PDB file of N, CA and C in Angstrom:
ATOM      1  N   MET A   1    -113.893 199.182-113.533  1.00  0.00           N
ATOM      2  CA  MET A   1    -114.217 198.720-112.755  1.00  0.00           C
ATOM      3  C   MET A   1    -113.710 200.010-111.683  1.00  0.00           C
ATOM      4  N   PRO A   2    -114.054 201.194-110.429  1.00  0.00           N
ATOM      5  CA  PRO A   2    -113.429 201.730-108.989  1.00  0.00           C
ATOM      6  C   PRO A   2    -113.143 200.215-107.757  1.00  0.00           C
ATOM      7  N   ARG A   3    -112.118 200.789-107.378  1.00  0.00           N
ATOM      8  CA  ARG A   3    -112.245 200.433-106.391  1.00  0.00           C
ATOM      9  C   ARG A   3    -113.481 201.291-105.044  1.00  0.00           C
ATOM     10  N   THR A   4    -113.423 199.732-104.435  1.00  0.00           N
ATOM     11  CA  THR A   4    -114.739 200.148-103.291  1.00  0.00           C
ATOM     12  C   THR A   4    -113.996 200.315-101.630  1.00  0.00           C
ATOM     13  N   LYS A   5    -114.115 201.169-101.078  1.00  0.00           N
ATOM     14  CA  LYS A   5    -113.533 201.440-100.549  1.00  0.00           C
ATOM     15  C   LYS A   5    -113.764 200.599 -99.031  1.00  0.00           C
ATOM     16  N   PRO A   6    -113.045 199.668 -98.142  1.00  0.00           N
ATOM     17  CA  PRO A   6    -113.113 198.664 -97.811  1.00  0.00           C
ATOM     18  C   PRO A   6    -113.863 198.896 -96.183  1.00  0.00           C
ATOM     19  N   SER A   7    -114.203 198.047 -95.254  1.00  0.00           N
ATOM     20  CA  SER A   7    -115.508 198.248 -94.853  1.00  0.00           C
ATOM     21  C   SER A   7    -115.214 198.123 -93.106  1.00  0.00           C
ATOM     22  N   PRO A   8    -115.297 198.713 -91.967  1.00  0.00           N
ATOM     23  CA  PRO A   8    -114.250 198.908 -90.984  1.00  0.00           C
ATOM     24  C   PRO A   8    -113.653 197.044 -90.493  1.00  0.00           C
ATOM     25  N   GLU A   9    -115.093 196.460 -90.568  1.00  0.00           N
ATOM     26  CA  GLU A   9    -114.255 195.045 -90.281  1.00  0.00           C
ATOM     27  C   GLU A   9    -113.017 194.557 -90.885  1.00  0.00           C
ATOM     28  N   GLN A  10    -112.857 194.576 -92.592  1.00  0.00           N
ATOM     29  CA  GLN A  10    -111.721 194.656 -93.460  1.00  0.00           C
ATOM     30  C   GLN A  10    -110.737 195.488 -93.306  1.00  0.00           C
ATOM     31  N   ARG A  11    -110.722 196.429 -92.991  1.00  0.00           N
ATOM     32  CA  ARG A  11    -110.227 197.247 -92.612  1.00  0.00           C
ATOM     33  C   ARG A  11    -109.299 196.754 -91.711  1.00  0.00           C
ATOM     34  N   GLU A  12    -110.041 196.400 -90.458  1.00  0.00           N
ATOM     35  CA  GLU A  12    -109.372 195.830 -89.421  1.00  0.00           C
ATOM     36  C   GLU A  12    -108.576 194.677 -89.382  1.00  0.00           C
ATOM     37  N   LYS A  13    -109.483 193.809 -89.682  1.00  0.00           N
ATOM     38  CA  LYS A  13    -108.383 192.584 -90.289  1.00  0.00           C
ATOM     39  C   LYS A  13    -106.870 192.732 -90.864  1.00  0.00           C
ATOM     40  N   HIS A  14    -107.030 193.127 -91.918  1.00  0.00           N
ATOM     41  CA  HIS A  14    -106.194 193.823 -92.976  1.00  0.00           C
ATOM     42  C   HIS A  14    -104.673 194.409 -91.909  1.00  0.00           C
ATOM     43  N   ASN A  15    -105.113 195.891 -90.943  1.00  0.00           N
ATOM     44  CA  ASN A  15    -104.359 195.884 -90.048  1.00  0.00           C
ATOM     45  C   ASN A  15    -104.125 194.945 -89.408  1.00  0.00           C
ATOM     46  N   ALA A  16    -104.724 193.982 -88.695  1.00  0.00           N
ATOM     47  CA  ALA A  16    -104.084 193.256 -87.817  1.00  0.00           C
ATOM     48  C   ALA A  16    -103.347 192.147 -88.487  1.00  0.00           C
ATOM     49  N   ARG A  17    -103.446 191.699 -89.766  1.00  0.00           N
ATOM     50  CA  ARG A  17    -102.341 191.046 -90.288  1.00  0.00           C
ATOM     51  C   ARG A  17    -101.388 191.111 -90.482  1.00  0.00           C
ATOM     52  N   ARG A  18    -101.356 192.850 -91.039  1.00  0.00           N
ATOM     53  CA  ARG A  18     -99.606 193.250 -91.128  1.00  0.00           C
ATOM     54  C   ARG A  18     -98.794 193.331 -89.327  1.00  0.00           C
ATOM     55  N   ARG A  19     -99.822 193.709 -88.257  1.00  0.00           N
ATOM     56  CA  ARG A  19     -99.114 193.988 -87.481  1.00  0.00           C
ATOM     57  C   ARG A  19     -98.376 192.620 -86.581  1.00  0.00           C
ATOM     58  N   ALA A  20     -99.186 191.655 -86.758  1.00  0.00           N
ATOM     59  CA  ALA A  20     -98.642 190.096 -86.804  1.00  0.00           C
ATOM     60  C   ALA A  20     -97.619 189.599 -87.691  1.00  0.00           C
ATOM     61  N   LYS A  21     -97.559 190.142 -89.073  1.00  0.00           N
ATOM     62  CA  LYS A  21     -95.727 189.742 -89.500  1.00  0.00           C
ATOM     63  C   LYS A  21     -95.322 190.732 -89.084  1.00  0.00           C
ATOM     64  N   ARG A  22     -95.687 192.003 -88.692  1.00  0.00           N
ATOM     65  CA  ARG A  22     -94.333 192.823 -88.672  1.00  0.00           C
ATOM     66  C   ARG A  22     -93.634 192.482 -87.197  1.00  0.00           C
ATOM     67  N   LEU A  23     -94.790 191.745 -86.012  1.00  0.00           N
ATOM     68  CA  LEU A  23     -94.296 190.992 -84.688  1.00  0.00           C
ATOM     69  C   LEU A  23     -93.403 190.080 -84.828  1.00  0.00           C
ATOM     70  N   ALA A  24     -93.961 189.357 -86.425  1.00  0.00           N
ATOM     71  CA  ALA A  24     -93.260 188.035 -86.840  1.00  0.00           C
ATOM     72  C   ALA A  24     -91.987 188.230 -87.302  1.00  0.00           C
ATOM     73  N   ASP A  25     -91.486 189.889 -88.274  1.00  0.00           N
ATOM     74  CA  ASP A  25     -90.603 189.545 -88.194  1.00  0.00           C
ATOM     75  C   ASP A  25     -89.461 190.100 -88.084  1.00  0.00           C
ATOM     76  N   HIS A  26     -89.835 191.148 -86.363  1.00  0.00           N
ATOM     77  CA  HIS A  26     -89.010 191.750 -85.624  1.00  0.00           C
ATOM     78  C   HIS A  26     -88.900 190.757 -84.675  1.00  0.00           C
ATOM     79  N   ARG A  27     -89.311 189.971 -84.694  1.00  0.00           N
ATOM     80  CA  ARG A  27     -88.869 188.522 -83.947  1.00  0.00           C
ATOM     81  C   ARG A  27     -87.929 187.795 -84.284  1.00  0.00           C
ATOM     82  N   MET A  28     -87.548 187.435 -85.352  1.00  0.00           N
ATOM     83  CA  MET A  28     -86.913 187.149 -85.856  1.00  0.00           C
ATOM     84  C   MET A  28     -85.923 187.641 -86.232  1.00  0.00           C
ATOM     85  N   ARG A  29     -86.226 188.719 -86.575  1.00  0.00           N
ATOM     86  CA  ARG A  29     -84.352 189.616 -86.341  1.00  0.00           C
ATOM     87  C   ARG A  29     -83.569 189.508 -85.398  1.00  0.00           C
ATOM     88  N   MET A  30     -84.762 189.564 -84.002  1.00  0.00           N
ATOM     89  CA  MET A  30     -83.820 189.266 -82.679  1.00  0.00           C
ATOM     90  C   MET A  30     -83.371 188.358 -82.685  1.00  0.00           C
ATOM     91  N   ALA A  31     -83.760 187.246 -83.148  1.00  0.00           N
ATOM     92  CA  ALA A  31     -83.123 186.205 -83.199  1.00  0.00           C
ATOM     93  C   ALA A  31     -82.533 185.401 -83.640  1.00  0.00           C
ATOM     94  N   THR A  32     -82.819 186.033 -85.097  1.00  0.00           N
ATOM     95  CA  THR A  32     -81.388 185.928 -85.507  1.00  0.00           C
ATOM     96  C   THR A  32     -79.768 186.585 -84.827  1.00  0.00           C
ATOM     97  N   HIS A  33     -80.061 188.115 -84.817  1.00  0.00           N
ATOM     98  CA  HIS A  33     -78.959 188.354 -83.903  1.00  0.00           C
ATOM     99  C   HIS A  33     -77.916 187.471 -82.862  1.00  0.00           C
ATOM    100  N   ALA A  34     -79.624 186.974 -81.855  1.00  0.00           N
ATOM    101  CA  ALA A  34     -78.852 186.418 -81.199  1.00  0.00           C
ATOM    102  C   ALA A  34     -78.239 185.397 -81.629  1.00  0.00           C
ATOM    103  N   ALA A  35     -78.450 184.544 -82.447  1.00  0.00           N
ATOM    104  CA  ALA A  35     -77.887 183.300 -83.153  1.00  0.00           C
ATOM    105  C   ALA A  35     -76.195 183.580 -83.581  1.00  0.00           C
ATOM    106  N   SER A  36     -76.512 184.851 -84.300  1.00  0.00           N
ATOM    107  CA  SER A  36     -75.293 185.414 -85.462  1.00  0.00           C
ATOM    108  C   SER A  36     -74.274 185.061 -83.547  1.00  0.00           C
ATOM    109  N   GLU A  37     -74.617 186.341 -82.738  1.00  0.00           N
ATOM    110  CA  GLU A  37     -73.862 186.629 -81.614  1.00  0.00           C
ATOM    111  C   GLU A  37     -73.382 185.500 -80.668  1.00  0.00           C
ATOM    112  N   ILE A  38     -73.686 183.937 -80.822  1.00  0.00           N
ATOM    113  CA  ILE A  38     -73.249 183.088 -80.133  1.00  0.00           C
ATOM    114  C   ILE A  38     -72.478 182.071 -81.180  1.00  0.00           C
ATOM    115  N   VAL A  39     -72.808 182.234 -82.217  1.00  0.00           N
ATOM    116  CA  VAL A  39     -72.180 181.557 -83.623  1.00  0.00           C
ATOM    117  C   VAL A  39     -70.823 182.390 -83.521  1.00  0.00           C
ATOM    118  N   SER A  40     -70.714 184.154 -83.381  1.00  0.00           N
ATOM    119  CA  SER A  40     -69.274 184.324 -83.982  1.00  0.00           C
ATOM    120  C   SER A  40     -68.727 184.935 -82.574  1.00  0.00           C
ATOM    121  N   TRP A  41     -69.110 184.859 -81.239  1.00  0.00           N
ATOM    122  CA  TRP A  41     -68.287 185.071 -80.317  1.00  0.00           C
ATOM    123  C   TRP A  41     -68.301 184.078 -78.860  1.00  0.00           C
ATOM    124  N   GLU A  42     -69.480 182.624 -78.770  1.00  0.00           N
ATOM    125  CA  GLU A  42     -68.987 182.100 -78.018  1.00  0.00           C
ATOM    126  C   GLU A  42     -69.002 180.733 -78.671  1.00  0.00           C
ATOM    127  N   TRP A  43     -69.495 180.835 -79.203  1.00  0.00           N
ATOM    128  CA  TRP A  43     -69.590 179.409 -79.998  1.00  0.00           C
ATOM    129  C   TRP A  43     -67.596 178.521 -79.893  1.00  0.00           C
ATOM    130  N   ASP A  44     -67.724 177.403 -79.397  1.00  0.00           N
ATOM    131  CA  ASP A  44     -66.148 177.071 -79.971  1.00  0.00           C
ATOM    132  C   ASP A  44     -65.921 176.254 -80.567  1.00  0.00           C
ATOM    133  N   GLY A  45     -67.480 176.020 -81.098  1.00  0.00           N
ATOM    134  CA  GLY A  45     -66.498 174.694 -81.876  1.00  0.00           C
ATOM    135  C   GLY A  45     -66.825 173.193 -81.904  1.00  0.00           C
ATOM    136  N   LYS A  46     -67.250 173.147 -80.337  1.00  0.00           N
ATOM    137  CA  LYS A  46     -67.034 171.721 -79.353  1.00  0.00           C
ATOM    138  C   LYS A  46     -68.907 171.454 -79.470  1.00  0.00           C
ATOM    139  N   ARG A  47     -68.884 172.063 -77.894  1.00  0.00           N
ATOM    140  CA  ARG A  47     -70.203 172.451 -77.390  1.00  0.00           C
ATOM    141  C   ARG A  47     -71.234 172.768 -79.148  1.00  0.00           C
ATOM    142  N   PRO A  48     -72.447 171.853 -79.283  1.00  0.00           N
ATOM    143  CA  PRO A  48     -73.686 172.413 -80.637  1.00  0.00           C
ATOM    144  C   PRO A  48     -73.924 173.625 -80.092  1.00  0.00           C
ATOM    145  N   VAL A  49     -74.046 174.134 -81.197  1.00  0.00           N
ATOM    146  CA  VAL A  49     -75.218 175.603 -81.045  1.00  0.00           C
ATOM    147  C   VAL A  49     -77.383 175.400 -80.407  1.00  0.00           C
ATOM    148  N   THR A  50     -77.912 175.044 -79.697  1.00  0.00           N
ATOM    149  CA  THR A  50     -78.636 174.510 -79.195  1.00  0.00           C
ATOM    150  C   THR A  50     -80.141 175.783 -79.769  1.00  0.00           C
ATOM    151  N   PRO A  51     -81.458 175.322 -79.801  1.00  0.00           N
ATOM    152  CA  PRO A  51     -82.248 176.110 -79.905  1.00  0.00           C
ATOM    153  C   PRO A  51     -82.020 177.085 -78.433  1.00  0.00           C
ATOM    154  N   GLY A  52     -81.993 176.213 -77.577  1.00  0.00           N
ATOM    155  CA  GLY A  52     -82.549 176.436 -75.980  1.00  0.00           C
ATOM    156  C   GLY A  52     -81.695 177.719 -75.659  1.00  0.00           C
ATOM    157  N   ARG A  53     -79.716 177.336 -76.245  1.00  0.00           N
ATOM    158  CA  ARG A  53     -79.402 179.289 -76.081  1.00  0.00           C
ATOM    159  C   ARG A  53     -79.535 180.136 -76.640  1.00  0.00           C
ATOM    160  N   VAL A  54     -80.618 179.787 -78.215  1.00  0.00           N
ATOM    161  CA  VAL A  54     -81.122 180.914 -79.043  1.00  0.00           C
ATOM    162  C   VAL A  54     -82.107 181.808 -77.773  1.00  0.00           C
ATOM    163  N   ILE A  55     -82.331 180.700 -77.481  1.00  0.00           N
ATOM    164  CA  ILE A  55     -83.393 181.487 -76.681  1.00  0.00           C
ATOM    165  C   ILE A  55     -83.288 181.864 -75.135  1.00  0.00           C
ATOM    166  N   ALA A  56     -81.746 181.290 -74.607  1.00  0.00           N
ATOM    167  CA  ALA A  56     -81.791 182.196 -73.382  1.00  0.00           C
ATOM    168  C   ALA A  56     -81.179 183.429 -74.154  1.00  0.00           C
ATOM    169  N   LYS A  57     -80.668 183.301 -75.084  1.00  0.00           N
ATOM    170  CA  LYS A  57     -79.242 184.964 -75.343  1.00  0.00           C
ATOM    171  C   LYS A  57     -80.696 185.773 -76.202  1.00  0.00           C
ATOM    172  N   THR A  58     -81.693 185.176 -76.710  1.00  0.00           N
ATOM    173  CA  THR A  58     -82.605 186.618 -76.992  1.00  0.00           C
ATOM    174  C   THR A  58     -83.087 187.191 -76.076  1.00  0.00           C
ATOM    175  N   ALA A  59     -83.621 185.995 -75.036  1.00  0.00           N
ATOM    176  CA  ALA A  59     -83.910 186.790 -73.984  1.00  0.00           C
ATOM    177  C   ALA A  59     -83.720 187.164 -72.775  1.00  0.00           C
ATOM    178  N   ALA A  60     -82.169 187.633 -72.877  1.00  0.00           N
ATOM    179  CA  ALA A  60     -80.399 188.437 -72.557  1.00  0.00           C
ATOM    180  C   ALA A  60     -80.463 189.332 -73.333  1.00  0.00           C
ATOM    181  N   MET A  61     -80.996 189.229 -74.095  1.00  0.00           N
ATOM    182  CA  MET A  61     -80.546 190.679 -74.877  1.00  0.00           C
ATOM    183  C   MET A  61     -81.791 191.653 -74.710  1.00  0.00           C
ATOM    184  N   TYR A  62     -82.955 190.661 -75.251  1.00  0.00           N
ATOM    185  CA  TYR A  62     -83.710 191.514 -75.583  1.00  0.00           C
ATOM    186  C   TYR A  62     -85.306 191.160 -74.039  1.00  0.00           C
ATOM    187  N   GLY A  63     -84.666 190.792 -73.197  1.00  0.00           N
ATOM    188  CA  GLY A  63     -85.489 190.200 -71.853  1.00  0.00           C
ATOM    189  C   GLY A  63     -86.670 191.759 -72.085  1.00  0.00           C
ATOM    190  N   ASN A  64     -86.414 192.899 -72.193  1.00  0.00           N
ATOM    191  CA  ASN A  64     -86.975 194.139 -71.716  1.00  0.00           C
ATOM    192  C   ASN A  64     -87.830 194.418 -73.103  1.00  0.00           C
ATOM    193  N   TYR A  65     -87.895 193.951 -73.559  1.00  0.00           N
ATOM    194  CA  TYR A  65     -88.275 194.385 -75.838  1.00  0.00           C
ATOM    195  C   TYR A  65     -90.156 193.305 -75.130  1.00  0.00           C
ATOM    196  N   ARG A  66     -91.536 194.374 -75.427  1.00  0.00           N
ATOM    197  CA  ARG A  66     -92.307 194.089 -75.233  1.00  0.00           C
ATOM    198  C   ARG A  66     -92.384 192.541 -76.820  1.00  0.00           C
ATOM    199  N   GLN A  67     -91.561 192.926 -77.710  1.00  0.00           N
ATOM    200  CA  GLN A  67     -92.206 191.736 -78.525  1.00  0.00           C
ATOM    201  C   GLN A  67     -91.410 190.211 -77.758  1.00  0.00           C
ATOM    202  N   VAL A  68     -90.332 189.890 -76.871  1.00  0.00           N
ATOM    203  CA  VAL A  68     -90.070 189.075 -76.267  1.00  0.00           C
ATOM    204  C   VAL A  68     -90.449 189.077 -75.077  1.00  0.00           C
ATOM    205  N   ARG A  69     -90.837 190.205 -73.514  1.00  0.00           N
ATOM    206  CA  ARG A  69     -90.976 190.299 -72.498  1.00  0.00           C
ATOM    207  C   ARG A  69     -92.040 189.441 -72.348  1.00  0.00           C
ATOM    208  N   ASP A  70     -93.319 189.075 -73.662  1.00  0.00           N
ATOM    209  CA  ASP A  70     -94.808 189.104 -73.831  1.00  0.00           C
ATOM    210  C   ASP A  70     -94.850 187.766 -73.530  1.00  0.00           C
ATOM    211  N   ARG A  71     -93.902 187.336 -75.023  1.00  0.00           N
ATOM    212  CA  ARG A  71     -93.882 185.255 -75.665  1.00  0.00           C
ATOM    213  C   ARG A  71     -92.320 185.737 -75.717  1.00  0.00           C
ATOM    214  N   ALA A  72     -91.976 184.110 -74.979  1.00  0.00           N
ATOM    215  CA  ALA A  72     -91.005 184.254 -75.138  1.00  0.00           C
ATOM    216  C   ALA A  72     -90.819 183.707 -76.698  1.00  0.00           C
ATOM    217  N   ILE A  73     -89.713 184.096 -77.837  1.00  0.00           N
ATOM    218  CA  ILE A  73     -89.158 183.002 -78.551  1.00  0.00           C
ATOM    219  C   ILE A  73     -89.259 181.250 -78.282  1.00  0.00           C
ATOM    220  N   THR A  74     -89.804 181.082 -79.408  1.00  0.00           N
ATOM    221  CA  THR A  74     -90.064 179.363 -79.586  1.00  0.00           C
ATOM    222  C   THR A  74     -89.001 178.860 -79.621  1.00  0.00           C
ATOM    223  N   PRO A  75     -89.053 177.230 -80.235  1.00  0.00           N
ATOM    224  CA  PRO A  75     -87.693 176.927 -80.511  1.00  0.00           C
ATOM    225  C   PRO A  75     -87.954 176.891 -82.067  1.00  0.00           C
ATOM    226  N   ALA A  76     -88.967 177.036 -82.714  1.00  0.00           N
ATOM    227  CA  ALA A  76     -89.197 177.455 -83.953  1.00  0.00           C
ATOM    228  C   ALA A  76     -88.505 178.422 -85.158  1.00  0.00           C
ATOM    229  N   GLU A  77     -88.786 178.952 -84.092  1.00  0.00           N
ATOM    230  CA  GLU A  77     -88.626 180.422 -83.828  1.00  0.00           C
ATOM    231  C   GLU A  77     -86.919 180.536 -83.723  1.00  0.00           C
ATOM    232  N   ALA A  78     -86.142 179.468 -82.961  1.00  0.00           N
ATOM    233  CA  ALA A  78     -84.626 179.604 -82.326  1.00  0.00           C
ATOM    234  C   ALA A  78     -84.203 178.453 -83.891  1.00  0.00           C
ATOM    235  N   VAL A  79     -85.153 177.950 -84.716  1.00  0.00           N
ATOM    236  CA  VAL A  79     -84.157 176.800 -85.121  1.00  0.00           C
ATOM    237  C   VAL A  79     -84.219 177.451 -86.325  1.00  0.00           C
ATOM    238  N   ALA A  80     -85.241 178.349 -87.096  1.00  0.00           N
ATOM    239  CA  ALA A  80     -85.102 179.659 -87.780  1.00  0.00           C
ATOM    240  C   ALA A  80     -83.738 180.081 -88.202  1.00  0.00           C
ATOM    241  N   ALA A  81     -83.432 181.094 -86.134  1.00  0.00           N
ATOM    242  CA  ALA A  81     -82.398 181.363 -86.670  1.00  0.00           C
ATOM    243  C   ALA A  81     -81.603 180.864 -86.914  1.00  0.00           C
ATOM    244  N   LEU A  82     -81.444 180.863 -86.569  1.00  0.00           N
ATOM    245  CA  LEU A  82     -80.511 178.778 -86.426  1.00  0.00           C
ATOM    246  C   LEU A  82     -79.884 178.986 -87.889  1.00  0.00           C
ATOM    247  N   ASP A  83     -80.929 177.879 -88.895  1.00  0.00           N
ATOM    248  CA  ASP A  83     -80.475 177.835 -90.298  1.00  0.00           C
ATOM    249  C   ASP A  83     -79.742 178.973 -90.755  1.00  0.00           C
ATOM    250  N   ILE A  84     -81.040 180.325 -90.804  1.00  0.00           N
ATOM    251  CA  ILE A  84     -80.181 181.186 -90.880  1.00  0.00           C
ATOM    252  C   ILE A  84     -78.956 181.506 -90.906  1.00  0.00           C
ATOM    253  N   VAL A  85     -78.102 181.554 -89.686  1.00  0.00           N
ATOM    254  CA  VAL A  85     -77.168 182.582 -89.758  1.00  0.00           C
ATOM    255  C   VAL A  85     -76.541 181.540 -90.002  1.00  0.00           C
ATOM    256  N   LEU A  86     -75.673 179.941 -89.849  1.00  0.00           N
ATOM    257  CA  LEU A  86     -74.827 179.177 -90.030  1.00  0.00           C
ATOM    258  C   LEU A  86     -75.116 178.695 -91.939  1.00  0.00           C
ATOM    259  N   ASN A  87     -76.389 179.016 -92.418  1.00  0.00           N
ATOM    260  CA  ASN A  87     -76.501 179.087 -93.884  1.00  0.00           C
ATOM    261  C   ASN A  87     -76.371 179.959 -94.500  1.00  0.00           C
ATOM    262  N   ARG A  88     -75.571 181.205 -94.067  1.00  0.00           N
ATOM    263  CA  ARG A  88     -75.344 182.545 -94.715  1.00  0.00           C
ATOM    264  C   ARG A  88     -74.016 182.364 -95.761  1.00  0.00           C
TER     265      ARG A  88
END
């Protein structure tokens, strides 16, 4: 059976899902980069690396990027980024 062409509404929903996924992936890459910078260069082993520090570092590094400027990195994203960096 041949595939039918998606309607404009279906195509728009599909594209919106793709944009949201791409934005989430990009934000996670930025948060992971900031977390790795903290762990690699600033962490002295005495003070814990907190999600708040990751959020602040991400804002400092990527503050002019639309993905961070419009909406700051969330604590859940910061925790996930720290988890990725610390469990490499």
